[in-house]
Amino acid sequence: MDDDLRSAKVAGLAEELTGLRALTAQSRSANTRLLWLLEAIAEHPRQVPGPDQGTEGDVHQVGLVRVGE
């Protein structure tokens, strides 16, 4: 009985380890893509116009919006 229990525990641990390896591979892949994006952004920054850099066409009126009428 002890051998069966140990075998079951080892099998469960092996399955968990396989899942963790898959998650690690996915994380590494995602990190590689994010690092590439960060480097691309750092190389080509965009200047976002501030409130004093707008044009007359950029003026928007702010007000209440009634929904459902």
Protein backbone atom coordinates (compact mmCIF):
# COMPACT_ATOMS: atom_id res chain seq x y z
CA MET A 1 0.00 0.00 0.00
CA ASP A 2 2.84 2.39 0.80
CA ASP A 3 4.34 1.79 -2.64
CA ASP A 4 1.02 2.58 -4.33
CA LEU A 5 0.69 5.80 -2.35
CA ARG A 6 4.25 6.82 -3.18
CA SER A 7 3.68 6.04 -6.86
CA ALA A 8 0.54 8.16 -6.86
CA LYS A 9 2.37 11.05 -5.18
CA VAL A 10 5.27 10.80 -7.63
CA ALA A 11 2.86 10.72 -10.58
CA GLY A 12 1.02 13.76 -9.20
CA LEU A 13 4.27 15.65 -8.70
CA ALA A 14 5.43 14.75 -12.20
CA GLU A 15 2.16 16.05 -13.65
CA GLU A 16 2.45 19.26 -11.63
CA LEU A 17 6.05 19.73 -12.76
CA THR A 18 5.00 19.30 -16.40
CA GLY A 19 2.34 21.98 -15.94
CA LEU A 20 4.81 24.34 -14.27
CA ARG A 21 7.27 23.86 -17.12
CA ALA A 22 4.56 24.75 -19.63
CA LEU A 23 3.65 27.90 -17.66
CA THR A 24 7.31 28.85 -17.46
CA ALA A 25 7.67 28.53 -21.23
CA GLN A 26 4.55 30.68 -21.78
CA SER A 27 5.84 33.31 -19.36
CA ARG A 28 9.21 33.44 -21.09
CA SER A 29 7.53 33.87 -24.46
CA ALA A 30 5.28 36.66 -23.16
CA ASN A 31 8.25 38.36 -21.48
CA THR A 32 10.21 38.26 -24.73
CA ARG A 33 7.34 39.97 -26.60
CA LEU A 34 6.90 42.59 -23.88
CA LEU A 35 10.62 43.33 -23.78
CA TRP A 36 10.62 43.78 -27.55
CA LEU A 37 7.70 46.23 -27.28
CA LEU A 38 9.37 48.20 -24.49
CA GLU A 39 12.57 48.47 -26.49
CA ALA A 40 10.66 49.55 -29.60
CA ILE A 41 8.82 52.23 -27.61
CA ALA A 42 12.08 53.48 -26.10
CA GLU A 43 13.65 53.77 -29.58
CA HIS A 44 10.69 55.59 -31.13
CA PRO A 45 8.92 57.70 -28.49
CA ARG A 46 5.85 59.64 -29.60
CA GLN A 47 5.20 63.09 -28.31
CA VAL A 48 1.63 63.41 -27.11
CA PRO A 49 0.38 66.97 -27.47
CA GLY A 50 -0.34 68.73 -24.22
CA PRO A 51 -3.24 71.13 -23.62
CA ASP A 52 -1.23 74.11 -24.86
CA GLN A 53 -0.19 72.35 -28.08
CA GLY A 54 -3.63 71.70 -29.51
CA THR A 55 -5.31 73.43 -32.41
CA GLU A 56 -8.74 74.99 -32.67
CA GLY A 57 -10.02 71.76 -34.18
CA ASP A 58 -9.05 69.89 -31.02
CA VAL A 59 -11.56 71.71 -28.80
CA HIS A 60 -14.32 69.46 -27.48
CA GLN A 61 -17.31 70.46 -25.42
CA VAL A 62 -17.83 68.56 -22.20
CA GLY A 63 -21.36 67.96 -20.98
CA LEU A 64 -23.86 65.43 -19.70
CA VAL A 65 -25.01 62.59 -21.90
CA ARG A 66 -28.50 61.22 -21.37
CA VAL A 67 -28.78 57.54 -22.07
CA GLY A 68 -32.02 55.91 -23.12
CA GLU A 69 -33.92 58.95 -24.35
